[in-house]
Structures are given as C-alpha cells and as structure tokens.
PDB file of N, CA and C in Angstrom:
ATOM      1  N   UNK A   1      94.694  99.404  89.151  1.00  0.00           N
ATOM      2  CA  UNK A   1      94.625  98.598  90.546  1.00  0.00           C
ATOM      3  C   UNK A   1      96.194  98.691  90.664  1.00  0.00           C
ATOM      4  N   UNK A   2      96.876  98.182  89.245  1.00  0.00           N
ATOM      5  CA  UNK A   2      98.287  98.048  89.529  1.00  0.00           C
ATOM      6  C   UNK A   2      98.882  99.222  89.843  1.00  0.00           C
ATOM      7  N   UNK A   3      98.475 100.333  89.400  1.00  0.00           N
ATOM      8  CA  UNK A   3      99.154 101.867  89.773  1.00  0.00           C
ATOM      9  C   UNK A   3      98.781 102.027  91.327  1.00  0.00           C
ATOM     10  N   UNK A   4      97.962 101.780  91.752  1.00  0.00           N
ATOM     11  CA  UNK A   4      97.438 101.828  93.062  1.00  0.00           C
ATOM     12  C   UNK A   4      98.357 101.057  94.021  1.00  0.00           C
ATOM     13  N   UNK A   5      98.624  99.756  93.565  1.00  0.00           N
ATOM     14  CA  UNK A   5      99.659  98.938  94.352  1.00  0.00           C
ATOM     15  C   UNK A   5     100.758  99.374  94.388  1.00  0.00           C
ATOM     16  N   UNK A   6     101.420  99.825  93.181  1.00  0.00           N
ATOM     17  CA  UNK A   6     102.778 100.497  93.000  1.00  0.00           C
ATOM     18  C   UNK A   6     102.851 101.720  93.673  1.00  0.00           C
ATOM     19  N   UNK A   7     101.885 102.383  94.033  1.00  0.00           N
ATOM     20  CA  UNK A   7     101.785 103.698  94.788  1.00  0.00           C
ATOM     21  C   UNK A   7     102.036 103.455  96.227  1.00  0.00           C
ATOM     22  N   UNK A   8     101.271 102.575  96.673  1.00  0.00           N
ATOM     23  CA  UNK A   8     101.171 102.061  98.182  1.00  0.00           C
ATOM     24  C   UNK A   8     102.577 101.696  98.733  1.00  0.00           C
ATOM     25  N   UNK A   9     103.433 101.062  97.534  1.00  0.00           N
ATOM     26  CA  UNK A   9     104.475 100.617  97.693  1.00  0.00           C
ATOM     27  C   UNK A   9     105.853 101.768  97.443  1.00  0.00           C
ATOM     28  N   UNK A  10     105.483 102.679  97.232  1.00  0.00           N
ATOM     29  CA  UNK A  10     106.424 103.788  97.031  1.00  0.00           C
ATOM     30  C   UNK A  10     106.749 103.893  95.572  1.00  0.00           C
ATOM     31  N   UNK A  11     106.191 103.267  94.650  1.00  0.00           N
ATOM     32  CA  UNK A  11     106.778 103.387  93.086  1.00  0.00           C
ATOM     33  C   UNK A  11     105.978 104.114  92.477  1.00  0.00           C
ATOM     34  N   UNK A  12     106.516 104.924  91.756  1.00  0.00           N
ATOM     35  CA  UNK A  12     105.489 105.976  90.848  1.00  0.00           C
ATOM     36  C   UNK A  12     105.300 105.163  89.564  1.00  0.00           C
ATOM     37  N   UNK A  13     104.201 104.855  89.362  1.00  0.00           N
ATOM     38  CA  UNK A  13     103.808 104.140  87.992  1.00  0.00           C
ATOM     39  C   UNK A  13     102.469 104.385  87.630  1.00  0.00           C
ATOM     40  N   UNK A  14     102.424 106.114  87.075  1.00  0.00           N
ATOM     41  CA  UNK A  14     101.124 106.458  87.038  1.00  0.00           C
ATOM     42  C   UNK A  14     100.311 105.495  85.893  1.00  0.00           C
ATOM     43  N   UNK A  15      98.962 105.556  85.801  1.00  0.00           N
ATOM     44  CA  UNK A  15      98.182 104.766  85.215  1.00  0.00           C
ATOM     45  C   UNK A  15      98.084 105.851  84.065  1.00  0.00           C
ATOM     46  N   UNK A  16      98.251 105.164  82.672  1.00  0.00           N
ATOM     47  CA  UNK A  16      97.777 106.131  81.532  1.00  0.00           C
ATOM     48  C   UNK A  16      96.949 105.248  80.502  1.00  0.00           C
ATOM     49  N   UNK A  17      95.686 104.934  80.964  1.00  0.00           N
ATOM     50  CA  UNK A  17      94.816 104.180  80.145  1.00  0.00           C
ATOM     51  C   UNK A  17      94.980 104.134  78.786  1.00  0.00           C
ATOM     52  N   UNK A  18      94.783 105.205  78.319  1.00  0.00           N
ATOM     53  CA  UNK A  18      94.911 105.713  76.615  1.00  0.00           C
ATOM     54  C   UNK A  18      96.211 104.985  76.044  1.00  0.00           C
ATOM     55  N   UNK A  19      97.062 105.490  76.684  1.00  0.00           N
ATOM     56  CA  UNK A  19      98.608 105.125  76.280  1.00  0.00           C
ATOM     57  C   UNK A  19      98.650 103.507  76.170  1.00  0.00           C
ATOM     58  N   UNK A  20      98.281 102.652  77.313  1.00  0.00           N
ATOM     59  CA  UNK A  20      98.153 101.267  77.391  1.00  0.00           C
ATOM     60  C   UNK A  20      97.558 100.667  76.318  1.00  0.00           C
ATOM     61  N   UNK A  21      96.047 101.185  76.406  1.00  0.00           N
ATOM     62  CA  UNK A  21      95.110 100.820  75.472  1.00  0.00           C
ATOM     63  C   UNK A  21      95.737 100.636  73.986  1.00  0.00           C
ATOM     64  N   UNK A  22      96.184 101.973  73.568  1.00  0.00           N
ATOM     65  CA  UNK A  22      96.859 102.095  72.274  1.00  0.00           C
ATOM     66  C   UNK A  22      97.943 100.964  71.805  1.00  0.00           C
ATOM     67  N   UNK A  23      98.793 100.779  73.142  1.00  0.00           N
ATOM     68  CA  UNK A  23     100.111  99.972  72.640  1.00  0.00           C
ATOM     69  C   UNK A  23      99.398  98.520  72.622  1.00  0.00           C
ATOM     70  N   UNK A  24      98.725  98.046  73.657  1.00  0.00           N
ATOM     71  CA  UNK A  24      97.900  96.632  73.543  1.00  0.00           C
ATOM     72  C   UNK A  24      97.169  96.583  72.175  1.00  0.00           C
ATOM     73  N   UNK A  25      96.328  97.072  71.878  1.00  0.00           N
ATOM     74  CA  UNK A  25      95.810  97.040  70.618  1.00  0.00           C
ATOM     75  C   UNK A  25      96.536  97.111  69.408  1.00  0.00           C
ATOM     76  N   UNK A  26      97.467  97.719  69.378  1.00  0.00           N
ATOM     77  CA  UNK A  26      98.534  97.991  67.936  1.00  0.00           C
ATOM     78  C   UNK A  26      99.271  96.514  67.958  1.00  0.00           C
ATOM     79  N   UNK A  27      99.387  95.718  69.047  1.00  0.00           N
ATOM     80  CA  UNK A  27     100.143  94.535  68.516  1.00  0.00           C
ATOM     81  C   UNK A  27      99.488  93.504  67.804  1.00  0.00           C
ATOM     82  N   UNK A  28     100.371  92.996  67.216  1.00  0.00           N
ATOM     83  CA  UNK A  28      99.667  91.788  66.222  1.00  0.00           C
ATOM     84  C   UNK A  28      99.768  90.295  66.987  1.00  0.00           C
ATOM     85  N   UNK A  29     100.089  90.073  67.920  1.00  0.00           N
ATOM     86  CA  UNK A  29     100.138  88.696  68.576  1.00  0.00           C
ATOM     87  C   UNK A  29      99.509  88.618  69.775  1.00  0.00           C
ATOM     88  N   UNK A  30      99.324  87.549  70.243  1.00  0.00           N
ATOM     89  CA  UNK A  30      98.276  87.200  71.152  1.00  0.00           C
ATOM     90  C   UNK A  30      99.255  87.547  72.801  1.00  0.00           C
ATOM     91  N   UNK A  31      98.543  87.864  73.555  1.00  0.00           N
ATOM     92  CA  UNK A  31      99.232  88.133  74.888  1.00  0.00           C
ATOM     93  C   UNK A  31      99.688  86.684  75.401  1.00  0.00           C
ATOM     94  N   UNK A  32     100.968  86.664  75.968  1.00  0.00           N
ATOM     95  CA  UNK A  32     101.523  85.291  76.284  1.00  0.00           C
ATOM     96  C   UNK A  32     100.849  84.437  77.229  1.00  0.00           C
ATOM     97  N   UNK A  33      99.808  84.828  77.811  1.00  0.00           N
ATOM     98  CA  UNK A  33      99.186  83.908  78.655  1.00  0.00           C
ATOM     99  C   UNK A  33      98.088  83.227  77.860  1.00  0.00           C
ATOM    100  N   UNK A  34      97.508  83.922  76.765  1.00  0.00           N
ATOM    101  CA  UNK A  34      96.598  83.456  75.844  1.00  0.00           C
ATOM    102  C   UNK A  34      97.441  82.272  74.804  1.00  0.00           C
ATOM    103  N   UNK A  35      98.417  82.653  74.580  1.00  0.00           N
ATOM    104  CA  UNK A  35      99.525  81.604  73.818  1.00  0.00           C
ATOM    105  C   UNK A  35      99.606  80.485  74.522  1.00  0.00           C
ATOM    106  N   UNK A  36      99.666  80.662  75.930  1.00  0.00           N
ATOM    107  CA  UNK A  36     100.397  79.561  76.521  1.00  0.00           C
ATOM    108  C   UNK A  36      99.021  78.637  76.724  1.00  0.00           C
ATOM    109  N   UNK A  37      97.941  79.312  77.031  1.00  0.00           N
ATOM    110  CA  UNK A  37      96.540  78.556  77.249  1.00  0.00           C
ATOM    111  C   UNK A  37      96.372  77.817  76.020  1.00  0.00           C
ATOM    112  N   UNK A  38      96.251  78.541  74.681  1.00  0.00           N
ATOM    113  CA  UNK A  38      96.012  77.828  73.655  1.00  0.00           C
ATOM    114  C   UNK A  38      97.070  76.656  73.079  1.00  0.00           C
ATOM    115  N   UNK A  39      98.112  76.937  73.689  1.00  0.00           N
ATOM    116  CA  UNK A  39      99.107  75.491  73.621  1.00  0.00           C
ATOM    117  C   UNK A  39      99.149  74.595  74.313  1.00  0.00           C
ATOM    118  N   UNK A  40      98.210  74.532  75.178  1.00  0.00           N
ATOM    119  CA  UNK A  40      98.460  73.754  76.342  1.00  0.00           C
ATOM    120  C   UNK A  40      99.348  73.544  77.323  1.00  0.00           C
ATOM    121  N   UNK A  41      99.937  74.978  77.471  1.00  0.00           N
ATOM    122  CA  UNK A  41     100.985  75.081  78.574  1.00  0.00           C
ATOM    123  C   UNK A  41     100.448  75.669  79.926  1.00  0.00           C
ATOM    124  N   UNK A  42     101.257  75.568  80.861  1.00  0.00           N
ATOM    125  CA  UNK A  42     100.630  76.028  82.043  1.00  0.00           C
ATOM    126  C   UNK A  42     100.754  77.594  82.275  1.00  0.00           C
ATOM    127  N   UNK A  43      99.989  78.258  82.868  1.00  0.00           N
ATOM    128  CA  UNK A  43      99.787  79.720  82.550  1.00  0.00           C
ATOM    129  C   UNK A  43     100.471  80.271  83.968  1.00  0.00           C
ATOM    130  N   UNK A  44     101.110  81.157  83.790  1.00  0.00           N
ATOM    131  CA  UNK A  44     102.188  82.100  84.825  1.00  0.00           C
ATOM    132  C   UNK A  44     101.197  83.205  85.557  1.00  0.00           C
ATOM    133  N   UNK A  45     100.080  82.387  86.030  1.00  0.00           N
ATOM    134  CA  UNK A  45      99.183  83.024  87.215  1.00  0.00           C
ATOM    135  C   UNK A  45      99.708  83.754  88.176  1.00  0.00           C
ATOM    136  N   UNK A  46     100.649  82.788  88.633  1.00  0.00           N
ATOM    137  CA  UNK A  46     101.301  83.211  90.141  1.00  0.00           C
ATOM    138  C   UNK A  46     102.202  84.690  89.893  1.00  0.00           C
ATOM    139  N   UNK A  47     103.145  84.754  88.796  1.00  0.00           N
ATOM    140  CA  UNK A  47     103.959  85.634  88.643  1.00  0.00           C
ATOM    141  C   UNK A  47     103.337  86.947  88.132  1.00  0.00           C
ATOM    142  N   UNK A  48     101.994  86.670  87.310  1.00  0.00           N
ATOM    143  CA  UNK A  48     101.556  87.640  86.641  1.00  0.00           C
ATOM    144  C   UNK A  48     100.152  88.335  87.196  1.00  0.00           C
ATOM    145  N   UNK A  49      99.546  87.511  87.951  1.00  0.00           N
ATOM    146  CA  UNK A  49      98.491  88.187  88.868  1.00  0.00           C
ATOM    147  C   UNK A  49      98.224  87.949  90.177  1.00  0.00           C
ATOM    148  N   UNK A  50      98.757  86.631  90.861  1.00  0.00           N
ATOM    149  CA  UNK A  50      98.656  86.588  92.202  1.00  0.00           C
ATOM    150  C   UNK A  50      99.743  87.261  93.119  1.00  0.00           C
ATOM    151  N   UNK A  51     100.969  87.373  92.420  1.00  0.00           N
ATOM    152  CA  UNK A  51     102.024  87.927  92.967  1.00  0.00           C
ATOM    153  C   UNK A  51     101.808  89.761  93.272  1.00  0.00           C
ATOM    154  N   UNK A  52     100.828  90.271  92.163  1.00  0.00           N
ATOM    155  CA  UNK A  52     100.409  91.648  92.570  1.00  0.00           C
ATOM    156  C   UNK A  52      99.308  91.686  93.209  1.00  0.00           C
ATOM    157  N   UNK A  53      98.513  90.779  93.444  1.00  0.00           N
ATOM    158  CA  UNK A  53      97.203  90.542  94.323  1.00  0.00           C
ATOM    159  C   UNK A  53      97.804  90.191  96.113  1.00  0.00           C
ATOM    160  N   UNK A  54      99.086  89.928  96.042  1.00  0.00           N
ATOM    161  CA  UNK A  54      99.829  89.368  97.285  1.00  0.00           C
ATOM    162  C   UNK A  54     100.107  90.781  97.645  1.00  0.00           C
ATOM    163  N   UNK A  55     100.662  91.401  96.825  1.00  0.00           N
ATOM    164  CA  UNK A  55     101.274  92.892  97.361  1.00  0.00           C
ATOM    165  C   UNK A  55     100.242  93.662  97.636  1.00  0.00           C
ATOM    166  N   UNK A  56      99.112  93.656  97.010  1.00  0.00           N
ATOM    167  CA  UNK A  56      97.820  94.468  97.238  1.00  0.00           C
ATOM    168  C   UNK A  56      97.530  94.390  98.739  1.00  0.00           C
ATOM    169  N   UNK A  57      97.217  92.802  98.932  1.00  0.00           N
ATOM    170  CA  UNK A  57      96.988  92.399 100.174  1.00  0.00           C
ATOM    171  C   UNK A  57      97.468  92.979 101.435  1.00  0.00           C
ATOM    172  N   UNK A  58      99.040  92.930 101.034  1.00  0.00           N
ATOM    173  CA  UNK A  58     100.200  93.345 102.176  1.00  0.00           C
ATOM    174  C   UNK A  58     100.024  94.916 102.218  1.00  0.00           C
ATOM    175  N   UNK A  59      99.635  95.660 101.261  1.00  0.00           N
ATOM    176  CA  UNK A  59      99.705  97.136 101.352  1.00  0.00           C
ATOM    177  C   UNK A  59      98.290  97.662 101.464  1.00  0.00           C
ATOM    178  N   UNK A  60      97.379  96.477 101.856  1.00  0.00           N
ATOM    179  CA  UNK A  60      95.754  97.219 102.125  1.00  0.00           C
ATOM    180  C   UNK A  60      95.292  97.977 100.978  1.00  0.00           C
ATOM    181  N   UNK A  61      95.497  97.547  99.513  1.00  0.00           N
ATOM    182  CA  UNK A  61      94.762  98.245  98.712  1.00  0.00           C
ATOM    183  C   UNK A  61      93.756  97.049  97.950  1.00  0.00           C
ATOM    184  N   UNK A  62      92.663  97.775  97.818  1.00  0.00           N
ATOM    185  CA  UNK A  62      91.524  96.918  97.423  1.00  0.00           C
ATOM    186  C   UNK A  62      91.854  96.608  95.781  1.00  0.00           C
ATOM    187  N   UNK A  63      91.486  95.246  95.162  1.00  0.00           N
ATOM    188  CA  UNK A  63      91.753  94.781  93.928  1.00  0.00           C
ATOM    189  C   UNK A  63      90.705  94.385  93.399  1.00  0.00           C
ATOM    190  N   UNK A  64      89.732  94.905  93.416  1.00  0.00           N
ATOM    191  CA  UNK A  64      88.142  94.032  92.761  1.00  0.00           C
ATOM    192  C   UNK A  64      88.127  93.372  91.318  1.00  0.00           C
ATOM    193  N   UNK A  65      88.840  94.262  90.600  1.00  0.00           N
ATOM    194  CA  UNK A  65      88.948  93.715  89.162  1.00  0.00           C
ATOM    195  C   UNK A  65      90.089  92.378  89.149  1.00  0.00           C
ATOM    196  N   UNK A  66      91.269  92.627  89.606  1.00  0.00           N
ATOM    197  CA  UNK A  66      92.214  91.458  89.960  1.00  0.00           C
ATOM    198  C   UNK A  66      91.898  90.425  90.539  1.00  0.00           C
ATOM    199  N   UNK A  67      90.805  90.654  91.594  1.00  0.00           N
ATOM    200  CA  UNK A  67      90.552  89.365  92.393  1.00  0.00           C
ATOM    201  C   UNK A  67      89.498  88.515  91.319  1.00  0.00           C
ATOM    202  N   UNK A  68      88.775  89.342  90.584  1.00  0.00           N
ATOM    203  CA  UNK A  68      87.563  88.745  89.461  1.00  0.00           C
ATOM    204  C   UNK A  68      88.554  87.729  88.637  1.00  0.00           C
ATOM    205  N   UNK A  69      89.431  88.731  88.044  1.00  0.00           N
ATOM    206  CA  UNK A  69      90.400  88.170  87.023  1.00  0.00           C
ATOM    207  C   UNK A  69      91.263  86.610  87.693  1.00  0.00           C
ATOM    208  N   UNK A  70      91.624  86.989  88.658  1.00  0.00           N
ATOM    209  CA  UNK A  70      92.390  85.796  89.209  1.00  0.00           C
ATOM    210  C   UNK A  70      91.252  84.685  89.490  1.00  0.00           C
ATOM    211  N   UNK A  71      90.149  84.855  89.801  1.00  0.00           N
ATOM    212  CA  UNK A  71      89.346  83.819  90.258  1.00  0.00           C
ATOM    213  C   UNK A  71      88.890  83.049  88.636  1.00  0.00           C
ATOM    214  N   UNK A  72      88.787  83.995  87.666  1.00  0.00           N
ATOM    215  CA  UNK A  72      88.373  83.336  86.325  1.00  0.00           C
ATOM    216  C   UNK A  72      89.654  82.820  85.769  1.00  0.00           C
ATOM    217  N   UNK A  73      90.722  82.887  85.831  1.00  0.00           N
ATOM    218  CA  UNK A  73      91.740  82.465  85.553  1.00  0.00           C
ATOM    219  C   UNK A  73      92.046  80.786  86.070  1.00  0.00           C
ATOM    220  N   UNK A  74      91.537  81.043  87.297  1.00  0.00           N
ATOM    221  CA  UNK A  74      91.862  79.579  88.259  1.00  0.00           C
ATOM    222  C   UNK A  74      90.814  78.640  87.714  1.00  0.00           C
ATOM    223  N   UNK A  75      89.590  79.265  87.626  1.00  0.00           N
ATOM    224  CA  UNK A  75      88.435  78.422  86.757  1.00  0.00           C
ATOM    225  C   UNK A  75      88.677  77.843  85.440  1.00  0.00           C
ATOM    226  N   UNK A  76      89.609  78.786  84.798  1.00  0.00           N
ATOM    227  CA  UNK A  76      89.715  78.218  83.229  1.00  0.00           C
ATOM    228  C   UNK A  76      91.041  77.332  83.280  1.00  0.00           C
ATOM    229  N   UNK A  77      91.852  77.428  84.134  1.00  0.00           N
ATOM    230  CA  UNK A  77      92.843  76.325  84.031  1.00  0.00           C
ATOM    231  C   UNK A  77      92.487  75.186  84.595  1.00  0.00           C
ATOM    232  N   UNK A  78      91.612  75.191  85.669  1.00  0.00           N
ATOM    233  CA  UNK A  78      90.963  73.786  86.218  1.00  0.00           C
ATOM    234  C   UNK A  78      90.195  73.314  85.131  1.00  0.00           C
ATOM    235  N   UNK A  79      89.298  73.951  84.494  1.00  0.00           N
ATOM    236  CA  UNK A  79      88.907  73.529  82.963  1.00  0.00           C
ATOM    237  C   UNK A  79      89.794  72.755  81.961  1.00  0.00           C
ATOM    238  N   UNK A  80      90.709  73.466  81.886  1.00  0.00           N
ATOM    239  CA  UNK A  80      91.690  73.205  80.815  1.00  0.00           C
ATOM    240  C   UNK A  80      92.718  71.982  81.210  1.00  0.00           C
ATOM    241  N   UNK A  81      93.052  72.072  82.531  1.00  0.00           N
ATOM    242  CA  UNK A  81      94.092  70.973  83.049  1.00  0.00           C
ATOM    243  C   UNK A  81      93.601  70.254  84.074  1.00  0.00           C
ATOM    244  N   UNK A  82      92.540  69.433  83.751  1.00  0.00           N
ATOM    245  CA  UNK A  82      91.877  68.892  85.192  1.00  0.00           C
ATOM    246  C   UNK A  82      92.885  67.887  85.927  1.00  0.00           C
TER     247      UNK A  82
END
C-alpha cells in the first residue's frame, strides 16, 4: 500500500516484499513503535501511520491494511494510556 501511495504521488518506490522481509527479520532490536509502547512513551502514530493514510486519501488510493493497523494502534494506545 505504501508503494501505491508513493506511485500515486509520482514517487518511484517499488515494493520488494522479500527484500523488506529479509531486512526486518535480520534486525536484533524491536521496532521503535514497539519500544515506545513497552517503555510507556507516546507512539508516533500520526507521523508513521496517519500521514500515509491521509496522503492515500488525498490521492484516492485504497489502504485497507493500513486502515486496520491505524484502528488497532488507536485502540492499543487508548488501552495503554487511558
């Protein structure tokens, strides 16, 4: 979905799932958002998720997976930081 949003905005960012998966699974540290959640810090949902979703909406690109991720993160934040 990120590549589709980029393409709609005229940015060449082809999706390479195998390469991305290899890079993500080779790291020995947690993603920053998970580290923030575990440490009780606020999450950067606006910058990392909602901004992409907003750009997608403006470009007319459907983002069903991103929409679910955004909803789940919002629910998790609300449960963690009432």
